[in-house]
Amino acid sequence: MNKKLSVSDGFIRRNSVLSGLMVISPIIVCGNTIMNALALIYAFSAITFTSVAVGAFVPKKLPYGVRIIIYTCLGALSYIPVKAAAEEFFPGVIDRTGIYFMLIAVNSLITVQSETKFYRFTKGKMIISLIRHILGFDAVMLVISAIRELIAYGTFCGRVVDADIVISGLGLPFGGFIILGIACGIYRCIAPNSKDTDDFGGDSDVYNF
């Protein structure tokens, strides 16, 4: 199917996190420091891009349920080298993020949105759309993590800064809910066409973990 892509689709317009409320658990639970954010951005970007790009070659004649299982397996296979590299370049990240690092391998962009969004495009446009959606998640993760680290711990990328007020609770999951909720509210007020619709104008189901 041939469809023109807006320059901001996936990154600003219809951002997967702020508009679709997808892949929010890692942000809420683990997105409280910049170092955690960088590790999760790396894992999400590498696993999602690899899994969706390779999954585009899965025959569409297979039953839908079988295709979803294959996409999930692709995510799990991508997770193995990504985890090994993360342990090398981000020491302790697996202990800090726990199961939420693993859950990235089966995030909704791989298991569901690949069928409803990306595979409706030609492969070239699919890659462009995929990259924009990945960057949309990455940007939200980094900004919210930086805000939470600064307010909760009085640090920025692990370095102490001169913060007059420290609210330690914002480093906990309920603090993540609060900051993400505020961000979503601001986004829906100022972002164009922020209603959660798919890339073809129809309503899109929301899936998250």
Protein backbone atom coordinates (compact mmCIF):
# COMPACT_ATOMS: atom_id res chain seq x y z
CA MET A 1 0.00 0.00 0.00
CA ASN A 2 1.38 3.39 -0.96
CA LYS A 3 0.87 6.18 1.54
CA LYS A 4 2.64 9.49 2.05
CA LEU A 5 4.39 9.91 5.37
CA SER A 6 4.33 13.12 7.36
CA VAL A 7 7.82 14.26 8.33
CA SER A 8 6.90 14.16 12.02
CA ASP A 9 4.87 10.92 12.07
CA GLY A 10 5.98 8.70 14.92
CA PHE A 11 8.45 11.22 16.33
CA ILE A 12 6.20 14.16 17.19
CA ARG A 13 2.89 13.54 15.47
CA ARG A 14 1.31 10.35 16.90
CA ASN A 15 4.26 9.69 19.17
CA SER A 16 4.00 6.07 20.32
CA VAL A 17 4.44 6.93 24.01
CA LEU A 18 2.74 10.31 24.41
CA SER A 19 -0.11 9.64 21.98
CA GLY A 20 -0.50 5.85 21.92
CA LEU A 21 0.62 5.15 25.52
CA MET A 22 2.73 2.25 24.24
CA VAL A 23 5.95 0.95 25.83
CA ILE A 24 5.37 3.05 28.94
CA SER A 25 6.39 0.57 31.66
CA PRO A 26 10.18 0.93 31.18
CA ILE A 27 9.80 4.72 31.29
CA ILE A 28 7.65 4.70 34.42
CA VAL A 29 9.64 2.13 36.39
CA CYS A 30 13.23 2.46 35.13
CA GLY A 31 13.39 5.89 33.48
CA ASN A 32 14.67 7.71 36.56
CA THR A 33 18.30 8.32 35.58
CA ILE A 34 20.01 9.25 32.35
CA MET A 35 22.26 6.17 32.47
CA ASN A 36 19.23 3.89 32.74
CA ALA A 37 17.63 5.80 29.88
CA LEU A 38 20.66 5.40 27.61
CA ALA A 39 20.79 1.65 28.25
CA LEU A 40 17.07 1.22 27.58
CA ILE A 41 17.24 3.44 24.50
CA TYR A 42 20.05 1.29 23.14
CA ALA A 43 18.16 -1.95 23.83
CA PHE A 44 14.83 -0.69 22.51
CA SER A 45 16.31 0.79 19.34
CA ALA A 46 18.46 -2.21 18.46
CA ILE A 47 15.89 -4.89 19.25
CA THR A 48 12.90 -3.13 17.70
CA PHE A 49 14.66 -2.14 14.49
CA THR A 50 16.18 -5.58 13.94
CA SER A 51 13.01 -7.50 14.77
CA VAL A 52 10.62 -5.39 12.69
CA ALA A 53 13.00 -5.13 9.71
CA VAL A 54 13.59 -8.89 9.59
CA GLY A 55 9.93 -9.61 10.32
CA ALA A 56 8.95 -7.78 7.13
CA PHE A 57 10.11 -10.86 5.21
CA VAL A 58 7.78 -13.23 7.05
CA PRO A 59 5.22 -14.54 4.50
CA LYS A 60 1.86 -12.85 4.94
CA LYS A 61 0.13 -16.08 3.89
CA LEU A 62 0.90 -17.55 7.31
CA PRO A 63 -1.91 -17.32 9.90
CA TYR A 64 -1.89 -14.12 11.93
CA GLY A 65 -1.21 -15.95 15.19
CA VAL A 66 1.81 -17.73 13.69
CA ARG A 67 3.22 -14.44 12.41
CA ILE A 68 2.93 -12.88 15.87
CA ILE A 69 4.79 -15.84 17.38
CA ILE A 70 7.55 -15.41 14.79
CA TYR A 71 7.83 -11.68 15.53
CA THR A 72 8.12 -12.48 19.24
CA CYS A 73 10.84 -15.05 18.56
CA LEU A 74 12.73 -12.51 16.46
CA GLY A 75 12.62 -10.08 19.37
CA ALA A 76 13.88 -12.75 21.76
CA LEU A 77 16.74 -13.69 19.42
CA SER A 78 17.71 -10.02 19.04
CA TYR A 79 17.72 -9.66 22.80
CA ILE A 80 20.60 -12.13 23.29
CA PRO A 81 23.43 -10.09 21.69
CA VAL A 82 21.89 -6.80 22.89
CA LYS A 83 21.93 -8.02 26.50
CA ALA A 84 25.56 -9.19 26.18
CA ALA A 85 26.63 -5.78 24.83
CA ALA A 86 24.60 -3.94 27.50
CA GLU A 87 26.40 -5.81 30.28
CA GLU A 88 29.70 -4.68 28.75
CA PHE A 89 28.91 -1.01 28.10
CA PHE A 90 26.28 -0.37 30.80
CA PRO A 91 27.51 -2.29 33.88
CA GLY A 92 24.77 -3.11 36.35
CA VAL A 93 21.93 -2.05 34.05
CA ILE A 94 20.28 -5.50 34.11
CA ASP A 95 20.21 -5.44 37.92
CA ARG A 96 18.80 -1.89 37.98
CA THR A 97 16.09 -2.40 35.37
CA GLY A 98 15.29 -6.07 36.00
CA ILE A 99 12.50 -7.62 33.97
CA TYR A 100 11.72 -4.34 32.20
CA PHE A 101 14.93 -4.62 30.22
CA MET A 102 13.83 -8.08 29.07
CA LEU A 103 10.30 -6.96 28.23
CA ILE A 104 11.66 -4.62 25.59
CA ALA A 105 12.17 -7.73 23.44
CA VAL A 106 8.40 -8.15 23.20
CA ASN A 107 7.33 -4.52 23.08
CA SER A 108 4.14 -3.62 21.23
CA LEU A 109 5.89 -2.08 18.23
CA ILE A 110 7.25 -5.56 17.47
CA THR A 111 4.36 -7.80 18.42
CA VAL A 112 1.34 -5.76 17.32
CA GLN A 113 2.13 -2.46 15.64
CA SER A 114 4.37 -4.15 13.08
CA GLU A 115 1.21 -5.52 11.47
CA THR A 116 -1.06 -2.50 11.97
CA LYS A 117 1.48 0.20 11.09
CA PHE A 118 4.77 -0.71 9.47
CA TYR A 119 3.98 -3.64 7.19
CA ARG A 120 1.30 -1.67 5.38
CA PHE A 121 4.01 0.46 3.80
CA THR A 122 6.50 -0.41 1.11
CA LYS A 123 9.76 -1.57 2.71
CA GLY A 124 11.51 1.76 2.16
CA LYS A 125 8.74 3.76 3.80
CA MET A 126 8.45 1.11 6.50
CA ILE A 127 12.07 1.69 7.54
CA ILE A 128 11.54 5.45 7.65
CA SER A 129 8.38 5.11 9.74
CA LEU A 130 10.05 2.56 12.04
CA ILE A 131 13.03 4.82 12.69
CA ARG A 132 10.75 7.76 13.50
CA HIS A 133 8.73 5.72 15.99
CA ILE A 134 11.91 4.45 17.62
CA LEU A 135 13.30 8.00 17.89
CA GLY A 136 9.98 9.12 19.36
CA PHE A 137 10.32 6.62 22.18
CA ASP A 138 14.01 7.45 22.65
CA ALA A 139 13.32 11.18 22.99
CA VAL A 140 10.56 10.71 25.57
CA MET A 141 12.63 8.24 27.57
CA LEU A 142 15.67 10.56 27.67
CA VAL A 143 13.79 13.75 28.55
CA ILE A 144 11.62 12.20 31.26
CA SER A 145 14.58 10.35 32.78
CA ALA A 146 16.65 13.54 32.88
CA ILE A 147 13.83 15.45 34.59
CA ARG A 148 13.25 12.70 37.15
CA GLU A 149 16.96 12.31 37.94
CA LEU A 150 17.37 16.05 38.43
CA ILE A 151 14.33 16.45 40.67
CA ALA A 152 14.53 13.13 42.55
CA TYR A 153 18.26 12.86 43.16
CA GLY A 154 19.70 16.30 42.46
CA THR A 155 22.04 14.83 39.85
CA PHE A 156 22.44 15.02 36.10
CA CYS A 157 24.05 12.02 34.42
CA GLY A 158 25.28 10.96 37.84
CA ARG A 159 26.90 14.30 38.70
CA VAL A 160 25.60 16.33 41.61
CA VAL A 161 24.10 19.67 40.62
CA ASP A 162 23.00 22.66 42.66
CA ALA A 163 19.34 21.75 43.11
CA ASP A 164 17.35 23.73 45.66
CA ILE A 165 14.52 21.18 45.89
CA VAL A 166 14.84 17.39 45.79
CA ILE A 167 11.69 15.25 45.71
CA SER A 168 12.96 11.70 46.11
CA GLY A 169 9.54 10.16 45.47
CA LEU A 170 9.72 11.10 41.79
CA GLY A 171 12.43 8.47 41.39
CA LEU A 172 9.87 5.78 42.26
CA PRO A 173 7.31 4.29 39.82
CA PHE A 174 4.48 6.54 41.04
CA GLY A 175 6.71 9.51 40.26
CA GLY A 176 7.13 8.14 36.77
CA PHE A 177 3.33 8.01 36.40
CA ILE A 178 3.07 11.64 37.50
CA ILE A 179 5.77 12.99 35.17
CA LEU A 180 4.59 10.92 32.20
CA GLY A 181 0.98 11.95 32.84
CA ILE A 182 1.95 15.62 32.84
CA ALA A 183 3.99 15.13 29.66
CA CYS A 184 1.06 13.40 27.93
CA GLY A 185 -1.29 16.19 28.96
CA ILE A 186 1.03 18.87 27.60
CA TYR A 187 1.59 16.89 24.41
CA ARG A 188 -2.11 16.43 23.71
CA CYS A 189 -2.66 20.17 24.17
CA ILE A 190 0.07 21.37 21.84
CA ALA A 191 0.90 18.55 19.40
CA PRO A 192 -0.90 18.54 16.03
CA ASN A 193 -3.14 15.55 15.32
CA SER A 194 -2.13 13.86 18.55
CA LYS A 195 -5.23 11.65 18.65
CA ASP A 196 -4.17 7.99 18.64
CA THR A 197 -4.84 6.97 15.06
CA ASP A 198 -2.90 4.71 12.79
CA ASP A 199 -0.87 5.91 9.80
CA PHE A 200 -3.87 5.44 7.53
CA GLY A 201 -6.33 7.63 9.39
CA GLY A 202 -8.24 4.95 11.29
CA ASP A 203 -8.47 4.44 15.01
CA SER A 204 -5.65 2.36 16.36
CA ASP A 205 -5.87 -0.04 19.28
CA VAL A 206 -3.59 0.75 22.18
CA TYR A 207 -1.29 -1.98 23.38
CA ASN A 208 1.34 -1.51 26.06
CA PHE A 209 3.17 -3.41 28.71
